[in-house]
Protein backbone atom coordinates (compact mmCIF):
# COMPACT_ATOMS: atom_id res chain seq x y z
CA MET A 1 2.56 -24.13 -13.79
CA LYS A 2 5.46 -25.00 -11.18
CA GLU A 3 5.08 -23.25 -8.05
CA ASN A 4 8.33 -20.83 -8.66
CA ASP A 5 7.12 -19.83 -11.79
CA ILE A 6 3.28 -18.71 -10.06
CA LEU A 7 5.51 -17.27 -7.97
CA THR A 8 7.47 -14.92 -10.23
CA GLN A 9 4.28 -14.17 -12.19
CA GLU A 10 2.63 -13.15 -9.25
CA GLY A 11 5.80 -11.08 -8.69
CA PHE A 12 5.90 -9.30 -11.85
CA HIS A 13 2.21 -8.55 -11.54
CA PHE A 14 2.52 -6.84 -7.70
CA PHE A 15 5.29 -4.65 -9.23
CA GLY A 16 3.75 -3.84 -12.29
CA LYS A 17 0.58 -2.91 -10.71
CA MET A 18 2.59 -0.74 -7.85
CA SER A 19 4.79 0.91 -10.26
CA ALA A 20 1.40 1.65 -12.79
CA SER A 21 -0.41 3.28 -9.70
CA ALA A 22 3.27 5.32 -8.43
CA THR A 23 3.54 6.71 -12.11
CA HIS A 24 -0.02 7.53 -12.20
CA GLU A 25 0.22 9.82 -9.04
CA ILE A 26 3.09 11.63 -10.86
CA LYS A 27 1.36 11.84 -13.77
CA ASN A 28 -1.24 13.48 -12.03
CA THR A 29 1.40 15.74 -9.84
CA LEU A 30 2.99 16.77 -13.32
CA ALA A 31 -0.67 17.61 -14.90
CA ILE A 32 -1.18 20.16 -12.01
CA ILE A 33 2.34 22.04 -12.23
CA ASN A 34 1.71 22.32 -16.12
CA GLU A 35 -1.38 23.88 -15.13
CA ASN A 36 -0.01 26.32 -12.65
CA ILE A 37 2.89 27.07 -15.32
CA GLY A 38 -0.20 28.17 -17.37
CA LEU A 39 -1.22 30.72 -14.65
CA MET A 40 2.27 32.01 -14.54
CA ASP A 41 1.93 32.88 -18.12
CA ASP A 42 -1.51 34.54 -17.05
CA LEU A 43 0.19 36.66 -14.34
CA SER A 44 3.26 37.62 -16.65
CA MET A 45 0.64 39.46 -19.09
CA MET A 46 -1.22 41.10 -15.87
CA ALA A 47 2.37 42.27 -14.85
CA GLN A 48 2.65 43.96 -17.76
CA ASP A 49 -0.70 45.88 -17.36
CA GLY A 50 0.28 46.59 -13.42
CA MET A 51 -2.40 44.24 -12.49
CA LEU A 52 -0.27 41.82 -10.70
CA SER A 53 -0.26 41.22 -6.78
CA ILE A 54 2.45 39.21 -4.74
CA GLU A 55 0.05 36.98 -3.54
CA GLN A 56 -1.11 36.07 -6.81
CA ILE A 57 2.69 34.88 -7.52
CA ASN A 58 2.84 33.23 -4.16
CA ARG A 59 -0.17 31.01 -4.62
CA VAL A 60 0.83 29.88 -7.77
CA SER A 61 4.54 29.28 -6.63
CA LYS A 62 3.53 27.30 -3.46
CA ASN A 63 1.13 25.03 -5.87
CA ILE A 64 4.09 24.38 -7.85
CA LYS A 65 6.80 23.71 -4.60
CA ASN A 66 3.68 21.43 -2.99
CA GLN A 67 3.63 18.94 -6.00
CA VAL A 68 7.28 18.91 -6.63
CA GLN A 69 7.36 17.86 -3.09
CA ARG A 70 4.49 15.18 -3.57
CA SER A 71 6.21 13.95 -6.89
CA ASN A 72 9.49 13.55 -4.81
CA ASN A 73 7.94 11.63 -1.91
CA ILE A 74 6.31 9.24 -4.59
CA LEU A 75 9.65 8.45 -6.27
CA GLN A 76 11.02 7.66 -2.98
CA LYS A 77 8.77 5.05 -2.13
CA LEU A 78 8.97 3.84 -5.58
CA ASN A 79 12.83 3.72 -5.03
CA LYS A 80 12.63 2.10 -1.98
CA PHE A 81 10.31 -0.76 -3.19
CA SER A 82 12.07 -1.43 -6.59
CA HIS A 83 15.01 -2.11 -4.55
CA SER A 84 13.62 -4.17 -2.12
CA VAL A 85 13.31 -6.66 -5.10
CA ASP A 86 16.81 -7.05 -4.57
CA LEU A 87 16.50 -8.05 -1.09
CA SER A 88 17.37 -11.60 -0.09
CA LYS A 89 15.70 -13.17 3.00
CA GLN A 90 16.08 -11.14 6.54
CA MET A 91 14.57 -10.01 9.27
CA ALA A 92 11.35 -7.48 8.53
CA ASP A 93 9.46 -5.47 10.79
CA VAL A 94 5.82 -6.50 9.61
CA GLU A 95 4.52 -3.12 11.36
CA THR A 96 6.74 -0.98 9.24
CA THR A 97 6.13 -3.05 6.29
CA VAL A 98 2.28 -2.80 6.51
CA LYS A 99 2.69 0.88 6.62
CA PHE A 100 4.76 1.17 4.02
CA THR A 101 2.78 -0.93 1.69
CA LEU A 102 -0.23 1.35 2.58
CA GLU A 103 1.66 4.51 1.70
CA LEU A 104 2.72 2.89 -1.89
CA ALA A 105 -0.80 1.84 -2.55
CA SER A 106 -2.68 4.44 -1.09
CA ARG A 107 -4.11 5.60 -4.50
CA LEU A 108 -5.20 2.09 -5.43
CA ILE A 109 -6.74 2.08 -1.46
CA GLU A 110 -8.69 5.40 -2.20
CA MET A 111 -10.35 3.83 -5.17
CA TYR A 112 -12.23 1.41 -2.71
CA GLU A 113 -13.28 4.24 -0.42
CA VAL A 114 -12.48 2.70 2.41
CA THR A 115 -11.07 3.94 5.90
CA ILE A 116 -8.13 1.83 7.28
CA LYS A 117 -7.02 2.19 11.09
CA ILE A 118 -3.54 0.67 12.29
CA ILE A 119 -3.56 -0.44 16.05
CA PRO A 120 0.15 0.15 16.82
CA ALA A 121 2.29 -3.40 17.72
CA PRO A 122 2.71 -3.49 21.50
CA SER A 123 5.95 -4.89 20.72
CA HIS A 124 8.52 -5.13 17.65
CA ILE A 125 7.26 -7.93 15.53
CA GLY A 126 9.98 -8.95 12.83
CA VAL A 127 9.83 -12.33 10.89
CA ASN A 128 12.47 -13.65 8.45
CA ALA A 129 11.46 -13.08 5.32
CA ASN A 130 11.79 -11.86 1.77
CA GLN A 131 10.83 -8.25 2.02
CA PHE A 132 9.30 -7.88 -1.57
CA PHE A 133 6.92 -10.86 -1.56
CA LEU A 134 6.08 -9.85 2.08
CA GLU A 135 4.95 -6.70 0.87
CA ASN A 136 3.07 -8.58 -2.15
CA MET A 137 1.44 -10.43 0.73
CA ILE A 138 0.48 -7.45 2.96
CA TRP A 139 -1.20 -5.98 -0.47
CA LYS A 140 -3.17 -8.80 -0.81
CA ALA A 141 -4.50 -8.93 2.35
CA VAL A 142 -4.94 -5.16 2.42
CA GLU A 143 -6.84 -5.64 -1.07
CA ALA A 144 -9.03 -8.71 0.18
CA ALA A 145 -10.03 -6.65 3.32
CA CYS A 146 -10.87 -3.53 1.35
CA GLN A 147 -13.17 -5.71 -0.80
CA GLY A 148 -14.73 -7.79 2.12
CA ALA A 149 -15.30 -4.31 3.74
CA HIS A 150 -17.24 -2.73 0.81
CA GLN A 151 -20.44 -2.14 3.40
CA GLU A 152 -19.24 -0.59 6.28
CA LYS A 153 -16.00 0.85 4.54
CA LYS A 154 -13.62 0.53 7.57
CA VAL A 155 -10.93 -1.89 8.12
CA THR A 156 -8.98 -2.33 11.22
CA VAL A 157 -5.05 -3.77 11.10
CA SER A 158 -3.67 -4.88 14.53
CA PHE A 159 -0.74 -7.05 15.47
CA LYS A 160 -0.71 -10.01 18.09
CA GLN A 161 2.22 -11.82 19.32
CA ASP A 162 2.60 -14.66 22.11
CA SER A 163 5.18 -17.49 22.61
CA GLU A 164 4.05 -19.45 19.79
CA THR A 165 2.99 -17.10 16.95
CA LEU A 166 2.86 -13.44 15.93
CA SER A 167 0.57 -12.19 13.20
CA VAL A 168 -1.22 -9.22 11.74
CA TRP A 169 -4.74 -9.01 11.52
CA PHE A 170 -7.56 -7.33 9.38
CA SER A 171 -11.00 -7.03 10.74
CA MET A 172 -13.82 -5.69 8.73
CA GLY A 173 -16.72 -4.92 10.90
CA SER A 174 -19.31 -7.29 8.75
CA ILE A 175 -18.55 -8.98 5.31
CA ASP A 176 -20.62 -11.15 3.10
CA ASP A 177 -21.57 -14.69 3.11
CA GLY A 178 -18.51 -16.78 1.58
CA PHE A 179 -16.23 -14.24 1.77
CA MET A 180 -14.11 -16.37 3.84
CA ASP A 181 -14.32 -19.34 1.71
CA ASN A 182 -13.15 -17.52 -1.32
CA LEU A 183 -10.38 -16.09 0.70
CA PHE A 184 -7.03 -16.63 -0.79
CA MET A 185 -7.93 -19.54 -2.46
CA ALA A 186 -6.19 -18.67 -5.97
CA ASP A 187 -3.05 -20.39 -6.95
CA GLU A 188 -0.80 -17.52 -6.31
CA ASP A 189 -2.02 -16.87 -3.25
CA LYS A 190 -1.19 -20.39 -2.06
CA ALA A 191 2.47 -19.79 -3.56
CA LEU A 192 2.65 -16.74 -1.44
CA ILE A 193 1.24 -18.39 1.49
CA GLU A 194 3.59 -21.27 1.47
CA TYR A 195 6.72 -19.50 0.33
CA LEU A 196 6.50 -17.03 3.09
CA ASP A 197 5.74 -19.80 5.59
CA ILE A 198 2.10 -18.22 6.61
CA VAL A 199 -0.67 -19.68 8.11
CA VAL A 200 -3.98 -17.90 7.31
CA GLU A 201 -6.20 -18.06 10.24
CA LYS A 202 -10.39 -16.78 9.51
CA ASN A 203 -12.47 -15.72 11.88
CA GLN A 204 -15.94 -15.49 10.51
CA GLU A 205 -17.81 -14.27 13.82
CA ASN A 206 -15.40 -11.69 14.09
CA CYS A 207 -15.34 -10.70 10.31
CA SER A 208 -11.36 -11.05 10.30
CA PHE A 209 -8.51 -12.89 9.13
CA GLY A 210 -4.87 -12.91 10.15
CA LEU A 211 -1.53 -13.74 8.22
CA VAL A 212 0.22 -15.79 11.42
CA TRP A 213 3.84 -16.90 11.76
CA SER A 214 5.21 -19.16 13.96
CA ASN A 215 7.15 -17.43 16.55
CA ARG A 216 9.70 -20.22 16.76
CA ASN A 217 11.42 -20.00 13.46
């Protein structure tokens, strides 16, 4: 399969995975709203019997309002993500992209039961990249780090920049033997790495890996 075909297929897979996760979250909010509507029906019957308190109404109303807001936040993220497909190469803020990807994939990350800590970048780190495929690569790195951190359940994300390179690093505390050997070896991983002009650096001793860009591009 040609590299462009592999990249396109990977893009479809990534888009589908993120969209499915977001719509699953929305489905959960709708289920909670529906449950609270059922409670409203019960409260209506209680009102007819003179047993209704304003606190009960306020509690159900607040629950519904919270879920509506949650659904709106999910839809806003999904809308922003969908529009990233339309963008060509442009300057992208790496730290902002990492944070957005973590928010977008929060449900998937929760399934790994891993805590992710972000150490803010000391200064702005921008790369010339396609926003959608940059998000794709960041997610692959996050997912790999979550899988690698299955023992300590902690991942630290940090950023580095000097005169030659800029990078984002994923540290896992401890990893299994062979983890680094198998990291980003699939054809779709290699296609993304080449397209984004990234070098992957692996530090076995520190249980970390980094996505590195030349600072002279």
